[in-house]
Amino acid sequence: MDPVEGIVVKGATVQLLNPSDSSNIRSTSSDSSGTFLFTNMDRGSYVLKATSIGFETFFRSIALNDSTPSLDLDDVYIPKKTTTLEGVVIVASAPAVSQKGDTTQFSAGQYKVNPDATVEDLIKKCRVLQ
């Protein structure tokens, strides 16, 4: 679950890893209710790893032994991964031509003409592209 919004994380990849070398022993995915299940596990120590796009990677050590042959983890909380941006630059440009009622407006800056072009050259360029 997401600890802030309290929503379940559907389709999270959940793995049981060997604690000595981090090799994958079993893996599954959480279902639409965020539930996952491993069955027929041998007694021993494992590392539970849960990952999902947009969330931090979650790790928890678990152990199955004679006194605890099965384990219910209740809710496993995985925080969302956040990235702080230093800044965002938005660049916009006016459309070359726009229609407002019965008036057609041309944006002169959207047409490429020679530096020594006259207004007549610009008008000719606008009419050709219209």
N, C-alpha and C. Protein backbone atom coordinates (compact mmCIF):
# COMPACT_ATOMS: atom_id res chain seq x y z
N MET A 1 0.84 -1.20 0.00
CA MET A 1 0.00 0.00 0.00
C MET A 1 0.87 1.25 0.00
N ASP A 2 0.32 2.29 -0.57
CA ASP A 2 0.94 3.60 -0.48
C ASP A 2 0.60 4.17 0.89
N PRO A 3 1.61 4.49 1.72
CA PRO A 3 1.32 4.93 3.09
C PRO A 3 0.64 6.29 3.18
N VAL A 4 0.77 7.13 2.17
CA VAL A 4 0.19 8.47 2.22
C VAL A 4 -1.27 8.44 1.76
N GLU A 5 -1.51 7.86 0.60
CA GLU A 5 -2.86 7.86 0.04
C GLU A 5 -3.68 6.65 0.47
N GLY A 6 -3.02 5.61 0.98
CA GLY A 6 -3.72 4.42 1.44
C GLY A 6 -4.28 3.56 0.33
N ILE A 7 -3.79 3.76 -0.89
CA ILE A 7 -4.27 2.94 -2.01
C ILE A 7 -3.36 1.73 -2.19
N VAL A 8 -3.94 0.65 -2.70
CA VAL A 8 -3.15 -0.57 -2.90
C VAL A 8 -2.27 -0.41 -4.13
N VAL A 9 -1.15 -1.10 -4.12
CA VAL A 9 -0.23 -1.10 -5.26
C VAL A 9 -0.49 -2.37 -6.05
N LYS A 10 -1.19 -2.22 -7.15
CA LYS A 10 -1.54 -3.37 -8.00
C LYS A 10 -0.36 -3.71 -8.90
N GLY A 11 -0.13 -4.98 -9.12
CA GLY A 11 0.89 -5.42 -10.06
C GLY A 11 2.32 -5.21 -9.59
N ALA A 12 2.52 -5.03 -8.29
CA ALA A 12 3.88 -4.88 -7.77
C ALA A 12 4.60 -6.23 -7.89
N THR A 13 5.87 -6.20 -8.21
CA THR A 13 6.67 -7.41 -8.26
C THR A 13 7.16 -7.69 -6.84
N VAL A 14 6.85 -8.90 -6.35
CA VAL A 14 7.23 -9.27 -4.99
C VAL A 14 8.13 -10.50 -5.10
N GLN A 15 9.32 -10.42 -4.48
CA GLN A 15 10.29 -11.50 -4.56
C GLN A 15 10.72 -11.93 -3.17
N LEU A 16 11.05 -13.21 -3.05
CA LEU A 16 11.73 -13.71 -1.87
C LEU A 16 13.17 -13.98 -2.28
N LEU A 17 14.11 -13.35 -1.59
CA LEU A 17 15.51 -13.46 -1.93
C LEU A 17 16.27 -14.23 -0.86
N ASN A 18 17.34 -14.87 -1.28
CA ASN A 18 18.25 -15.53 -0.35
C ASN A 18 19.06 -14.43 0.33
N PRO A 19 19.07 -14.36 1.67
CA PRO A 19 19.76 -13.25 2.34
C PRO A 19 21.28 -13.29 2.17
N SER A 20 21.85 -14.45 1.88
CA SER A 20 23.31 -14.52 1.78
C SER A 20 23.84 -13.99 0.45
N ASP A 21 23.09 -14.18 -0.65
CA ASP A 21 23.60 -13.73 -1.95
C ASP A 21 22.57 -12.96 -2.78
N SER A 22 21.42 -12.68 -2.23
CA SER A 22 20.34 -11.93 -2.90
C SER A 22 19.80 -12.62 -4.15
N SER A 23 20.03 -13.92 -4.27
CA SER A 23 19.47 -14.64 -5.43
C SER A 23 17.97 -14.79 -5.23
N ASN A 24 17.26 -14.81 -6.35
CA ASN A 24 15.81 -14.90 -6.32
C ASN A 24 15.39 -16.34 -6.04
N ILE A 25 14.56 -16.54 -5.01
CA ILE A 25 14.05 -17.87 -4.67
C ILE A 25 12.66 -18.05 -5.27
N ARG A 26 11.81 -17.07 -5.08
CA ARG A 26 10.45 -17.09 -5.63
C ARG A 26 10.06 -15.66 -5.97
N SER A 27 9.13 -15.54 -6.91
CA SER A 27 8.59 -14.21 -7.22
C SER A 27 7.14 -14.33 -7.65
N THR A 28 6.41 -13.25 -7.45
CA THR A 28 5.00 -13.17 -7.82
C THR A 28 4.65 -11.70 -8.01
N SER A 29 3.41 -11.43 -8.32
CA SER A 29 2.91 -10.05 -8.45
C SER A 29 1.72 -9.87 -7.54
N SER A 30 1.54 -8.66 -7.06
CA SER A 30 0.36 -8.38 -6.24
C SER A 30 -0.86 -8.30 -7.17
N ASP A 31 -2.00 -8.76 -6.67
CA ASP A 31 -3.22 -8.77 -7.48
C ASP A 31 -3.93 -7.41 -7.39
N SER A 32 -5.14 -7.33 -7.88
CA SER A 32 -5.88 -6.06 -7.93
C SER A 32 -6.20 -5.50 -6.55
N SER A 33 -6.14 -6.36 -5.52
CA SER A 33 -6.36 -5.86 -4.16
C SER A 33 -5.04 -5.67 -3.42
N GLY A 34 -3.90 -5.81 -4.14
CA GLY A 34 -2.59 -5.62 -3.53
C GLY A 34 -2.09 -6.84 -2.77
N THR A 35 -2.78 -7.96 -2.87
CA THR A 35 -2.43 -9.17 -2.12
C THR A 35 -1.45 -10.02 -2.91
N PHE A 36 -0.52 -10.66 -2.19
CA PHE A 36 0.39 -11.61 -2.81
C PHE A 36 0.54 -12.79 -1.85
N LEU A 37 0.95 -13.95 -2.39
CA LEU A 37 1.03 -15.17 -1.60
C LEU A 37 2.13 -16.07 -2.12
N PHE A 38 2.92 -16.61 -1.19
CA PHE A 38 3.91 -17.64 -1.51
C PHE A 38 3.48 -18.89 -0.75
N THR A 39 3.43 -20.02 -1.41
CA THR A 39 3.01 -21.27 -0.76
C THR A 39 4.15 -22.29 -0.80
N ASN A 40 4.03 -23.29 0.09
CA ASN A 40 4.98 -24.39 0.16
C ASN A 40 6.43 -23.92 0.29
N MET A 41 6.65 -23.02 1.21
CA MET A 41 7.99 -22.48 1.43
C MET A 41 8.73 -23.32 2.46
N ASP A 42 10.02 -23.51 2.28
CA ASP A 42 10.86 -24.19 3.26
C ASP A 42 11.12 -23.25 4.43
N ARG A 43 11.37 -23.85 5.58
CA ARG A 43 11.74 -23.05 6.75
C ARG A 43 13.10 -22.40 6.48
N GLY A 44 13.25 -21.18 6.96
CA GLY A 44 14.51 -20.47 6.75
C GLY A 44 14.32 -18.97 6.75
N SER A 45 15.40 -18.27 6.49
CA SER A 45 15.38 -16.81 6.46
C SER A 45 15.33 -16.34 5.01
N TYR A 46 14.59 -15.26 4.79
CA TYR A 46 14.43 -14.70 3.45
C TYR A 46 14.43 -13.18 3.54
N VAL A 47 14.65 -12.56 2.41
CA VAL A 47 14.47 -11.11 2.29
C VAL A 47 13.32 -10.90 1.31
N LEU A 48 12.29 -10.19 1.77
CA LEU A 48 11.15 -9.86 0.92
C LEU A 48 11.49 -8.55 0.21
N LYS A 49 11.34 -8.56 -1.11
CA LYS A 49 11.60 -7.37 -1.91
C LYS A 49 10.35 -7.08 -2.74
N ALA A 50 9.87 -5.84 -2.67
CA ALA A 50 8.70 -5.43 -3.45
C ALA A 50 9.07 -4.19 -4.26
N THR A 51 8.76 -4.23 -5.56
CA THR A 51 9.05 -3.11 -6.44
C THR A 51 7.84 -2.82 -7.32
N SER A 52 7.68 -1.56 -7.67
CA SER A 52 6.64 -1.15 -8.59
C SER A 52 7.05 0.20 -9.17
N ILE A 53 6.68 0.43 -10.41
CA ILE A 53 7.04 1.69 -11.07
C ILE A 53 6.42 2.86 -10.30
N GLY A 54 7.24 3.84 -10.01
CA GLY A 54 6.78 5.03 -9.29
C GLY A 54 6.87 4.91 -7.78
N PHE A 55 7.37 3.76 -7.28
CA PHE A 55 7.48 3.53 -5.85
C PHE A 55 8.91 3.16 -5.48
N GLU A 56 9.27 3.44 -4.23
CA GLU A 56 10.57 3.04 -3.71
C GLU A 56 10.63 1.51 -3.64
N THR A 57 11.83 0.96 -3.66
CA THR A 57 12.00 -0.48 -3.47
C THR A 57 11.89 -0.78 -1.97
N PHE A 58 11.10 -1.80 -1.65
CA PHE A 58 10.83 -2.17 -0.26
C PHE A 58 11.59 -3.46 0.06
N PHE A 59 12.25 -3.51 1.22
CA PHE A 59 12.92 -4.71 1.70
C PHE A 59 12.48 -5.02 3.11
N ARG A 60 12.30 -6.30 3.43
CA ARG A 60 12.01 -6.71 4.80
C ARG A 60 12.56 -8.12 5.00
N SER A 61 13.25 -8.33 6.12
CA SER A 61 13.73 -9.67 6.47
C SER A 61 12.60 -10.44 7.11
N ILE A 62 12.43 -11.70 6.69
CA ILE A 62 11.42 -12.56 7.30
C ILE A 62 12.04 -13.93 7.56
N ALA A 63 11.46 -14.63 8.51
CA ALA A 63 11.96 -15.97 8.84
C ALA A 63 10.79 -16.90 9.07
N LEU A 64 10.89 -18.10 8.52
CA LEU A 64 9.92 -19.16 8.74
C LEU A 64 10.62 -20.26 9.51
N ASN A 65 10.01 -20.67 10.64
CA ASN A 65 10.59 -21.73 11.44
C ASN A 65 9.47 -22.61 11.99
N ASP A 66 9.80 -23.56 12.86
CA ASP A 66 8.79 -24.47 13.39
C ASP A 66 7.71 -23.73 14.17
N SER A 67 8.07 -22.67 14.88
CA SER A 67 7.08 -21.94 15.66
C SER A 67 6.30 -20.94 14.78
N THR A 68 6.87 -20.55 13.65
CA THR A 68 6.20 -19.66 12.71
C THR A 68 6.28 -20.25 11.31
N PRO A 69 5.48 -21.30 11.02
CA PRO A 69 5.56 -21.92 9.70
C PRO A 69 4.88 -21.11 8.59
N SER A 70 4.01 -20.18 8.99
CA SER A 70 3.39 -19.28 8.01
C SER A 70 3.41 -17.87 8.58
N LEU A 71 3.30 -16.92 7.71
CA LEU A 71 3.46 -15.53 8.14
C LEU A 71 2.48 -14.65 7.37
N ASP A 72 1.72 -13.83 8.12
CA ASP A 72 0.84 -12.85 7.51
C ASP A 72 1.47 -11.49 7.77
N LEU A 73 1.86 -10.80 6.72
CA LEU A 73 2.57 -9.52 6.87
C LEU A 73 1.64 -8.34 7.07
N ASP A 74 0.33 -8.57 7.06
CA ASP A 74 -0.65 -7.48 7.12
C ASP A 74 -0.38 -6.52 5.97
N ASP A 75 -0.39 -5.22 6.22
CA ASP A 75 -0.16 -4.24 5.17
C ASP A 75 1.33 -3.94 5.05
N VAL A 76 1.83 -3.97 3.83
CA VAL A 76 3.21 -3.61 3.54
C VAL A 76 3.16 -2.25 2.86
N TYR A 77 3.80 -1.27 3.46
CA TYR A 77 3.73 0.10 2.94
C TYR A 77 4.96 0.41 2.10
N ILE A 78 4.71 0.85 0.88
CA ILE A 78 5.77 1.22 -0.05
C ILE A 78 5.59 2.70 -0.40
N PRO A 79 6.52 3.56 -0.01
CA PRO A 79 6.36 4.99 -0.33
C PRO A 79 6.59 5.27 -1.81
N LYS A 80 5.92 6.30 -2.31
CA LYS A 80 6.10 6.72 -3.70
C LYS A 80 7.50 7.30 -3.87
N LYS A 81 8.04 7.08 -5.05
CA LYS A 81 9.34 7.64 -5.39
C LYS A 81 9.12 9.05 -5.90
N THR A 82 9.84 9.98 -5.37
CA THR A 82 9.70 11.37 -5.80
C THR A 82 11.03 11.90 -6.28
N THR A 83 10.97 12.81 -7.22
CA THR A 83 12.15 13.47 -7.74
C THR A 83 11.88 14.97 -7.72
N THR A 84 12.78 15.70 -7.11
CA THR A 84 12.64 17.15 -7.06
C THR A 84 13.41 17.75 -8.21
N LEU A 85 12.71 18.54 -9.01
CA LEU A 85 13.34 19.19 -10.15
C LEU A 85 13.82 20.57 -9.72
N GLU A 86 14.96 20.98 -10.26
CA GLU A 86 15.48 22.31 -9.95
C GLU A 86 14.67 23.39 -10.67
N GLY A 87 14.15 23.06 -11.81
CA GLY A 87 13.37 24.04 -12.54
C GLY A 87 12.77 23.42 -13.78
N VAL A 88 11.74 24.05 -14.27
CA VAL A 88 11.07 23.61 -15.49
C VAL A 88 10.94 24.81 -16.40
N VAL A 89 11.31 24.62 -17.66
CA VAL A 89 11.18 25.69 -18.64
C VAL A 89 10.10 25.29 -19.63
N ILE A 90 9.11 26.13 -19.78
CA ILE A 90 8.03 25.88 -20.73
C ILE A 90 8.18 26.88 -21.87
N VAL A 91 8.27 26.36 -23.07
CA VAL A 91 8.43 27.20 -24.24
C VAL A 91 7.19 27.04 -25.11
N ALA A 92 6.57 28.14 -25.42
CA ALA A 92 5.36 28.10 -26.25
C ALA A 92 5.54 29.09 -27.39
N SER A 93 4.87 28.81 -28.47
CA SER A 93 4.89 29.75 -29.59
C SER A 93 3.47 29.88 -30.12
N ALA A 94 3.21 31.05 -30.67
CA ALA A 94 1.88 31.31 -31.21
C ALA A 94 1.70 30.51 -32.49
N PRO A 95 0.48 30.11 -32.80
CA PRO A 95 0.26 29.41 -34.07
C PRO A 95 0.50 30.39 -35.23
N ALA A 96 0.88 29.85 -36.36
CA ALA A 96 1.17 30.69 -37.52
C ALA A 96 -0.07 31.45 -37.98
N VAL A 97 -1.22 30.76 -37.94
CA VAL A 97 -2.48 31.38 -38.37
C VAL A 97 -3.56 31.00 -37.38
N SER A 98 -4.42 31.94 -37.03
CA SER A 98 -5.57 31.61 -36.18
C SER A 98 -6.80 32.35 -36.72
N GLN A 99 -7.94 31.73 -36.52
CA GLN A 99 -9.20 32.29 -37.00
C GLN A 99 -10.01 32.77 -35.81
N LYS A 100 -10.40 34.03 -35.80
CA LYS A 100 -11.25 34.58 -34.73
C LYS A 100 -12.46 35.20 -35.39
N GLY A 101 -13.53 34.42 -35.37
CA GLY A 101 -14.76 34.88 -36.03
C GLY A 101 -14.53 34.96 -37.52
N ASP A 102 -14.73 36.16 -38.08
CA ASP A 102 -14.53 36.33 -39.52
C ASP A 102 -13.16 36.92 -39.85
N THR A 103 -12.26 36.95 -38.84
CA THR A 103 -10.94 37.53 -39.02
C THR A 103 -9.87 36.45 -38.95
N THR A 104 -8.96 36.48 -39.89
CA THR A 104 -7.82 35.57 -39.89
C THR A 104 -6.61 36.36 -39.40
N GLN A 105 -5.95 35.85 -38.35
CA GLN A 105 -4.77 36.52 -37.80
C GLN A 105 -3.53 35.72 -38.14
N PHE A 106 -2.50 36.43 -38.62
CA PHE A 106 -1.22 35.82 -38.94
C PHE A 106 -0.20 36.26 -37.92
N SER A 107 0.64 35.35 -37.49
CA SER A 107 1.74 35.68 -36.57
C SER A 107 3.00 35.82 -37.39
N ALA A 108 3.44 37.05 -37.59
CA ALA A 108 4.58 37.33 -38.48
C ALA A 108 5.84 36.60 -38.03
N GLY A 109 6.02 36.43 -36.73
CA GLY A 109 7.22 35.78 -36.22
C GLY A 109 7.30 34.30 -36.56
N GLN A 110 6.22 33.70 -37.02
CA GLN A 110 6.19 32.28 -37.35
C GLN A 110 6.63 32.00 -38.79
N TYR A 111 6.88 33.04 -39.57
CA TYR A 111 7.26 32.88 -40.97
C TYR A 111 8.72 33.27 -41.15
N LYS A 112 9.47 32.43 -41.84
CA LYS A 112 10.88 32.71 -42.08
C LYS A 112 11.02 33.50 -43.39
N VAL A 113 11.63 34.66 -43.25
CA VAL A 113 11.91 35.49 -44.41
C VAL A 113 13.35 35.99 -44.28
N ASN A 114 13.89 36.49 -45.35
CA ASN A 114 15.26 37.03 -45.33
C ASN A 114 15.32 38.25 -44.40
N PRO A 115 16.49 38.52 -43.82
CA PRO A 115 16.60 39.68 -42.91
C PRO A 115 16.27 41.01 -43.59
N ASP A 116 16.48 41.10 -44.89
CA ASP A 116 16.20 42.36 -45.59
C ASP A 116 14.82 42.35 -46.27
N ALA A 117 13.94 41.44 -45.87
CA ALA A 117 12.62 41.30 -46.50
C ALA A 117 11.73 42.50 -46.18
N THR A 118 10.85 42.76 -47.09
CA THR A 118 9.88 43.83 -46.91
C THR A 118 8.57 43.24 -46.38
N VAL A 119 7.63 44.09 -46.02
CA VAL A 119 6.32 43.65 -45.57
C VAL A 119 5.63 42.91 -46.71
N GLU A 120 5.85 43.36 -47.92
CA GLU A 120 5.26 42.70 -49.08
C GLU A 120 5.74 41.24 -49.19
N ASP A 121 7.04 41.01 -48.92
CA ASP A 121 7.59 39.65 -48.94
C ASP A 121 6.92 38.78 -47.88
N LEU A 122 6.71 39.34 -46.71
CA LEU A 122 6.05 38.59 -45.63
C LEU A 122 4.62 38.25 -46.01
N ILE A 123 3.89 39.19 -46.59
CA ILE A 123 2.50 38.95 -46.98
C ILE A 123 2.44 37.88 -48.06
N LYS A 124 3.37 37.93 -49.00
CA LYS A 124 3.41 36.89 -50.03
C LYS A 124 3.63 35.52 -49.40
N LYS A 125 4.52 35.42 -48.42
CA LYS A 125 4.83 34.16 -47.75
C LYS A 125 3.58 33.66 -47.00
N CYS A 126 2.85 34.56 -46.34
CA CYS A 126 1.64 34.18 -45.61
C CYS A 126 0.57 33.66 -46.56
N ARG A 127 0.42 34.26 -47.69
CA ARG A 127 -0.62 33.86 -48.65
C ARG A 127 -0.30 32.50 -49.27
N VAL A 128 0.98 32.23 -49.50
CA VAL A 128 1.40 30.94 -50.08
C VAL A 128 1.10 29.81 -49.09
N LEU A 129 1.36 30.03 -47.81
CA LEU A 129 1.20 28.99 -46.80
C LEU A 129 -0.24 28.84 -46.33
N GLN A 130 -1.09 29.77 -46.69
CA GLN A 130 -2.47 29.77 -46.20
C GLN A 130 -3.26 28.62 -46.72
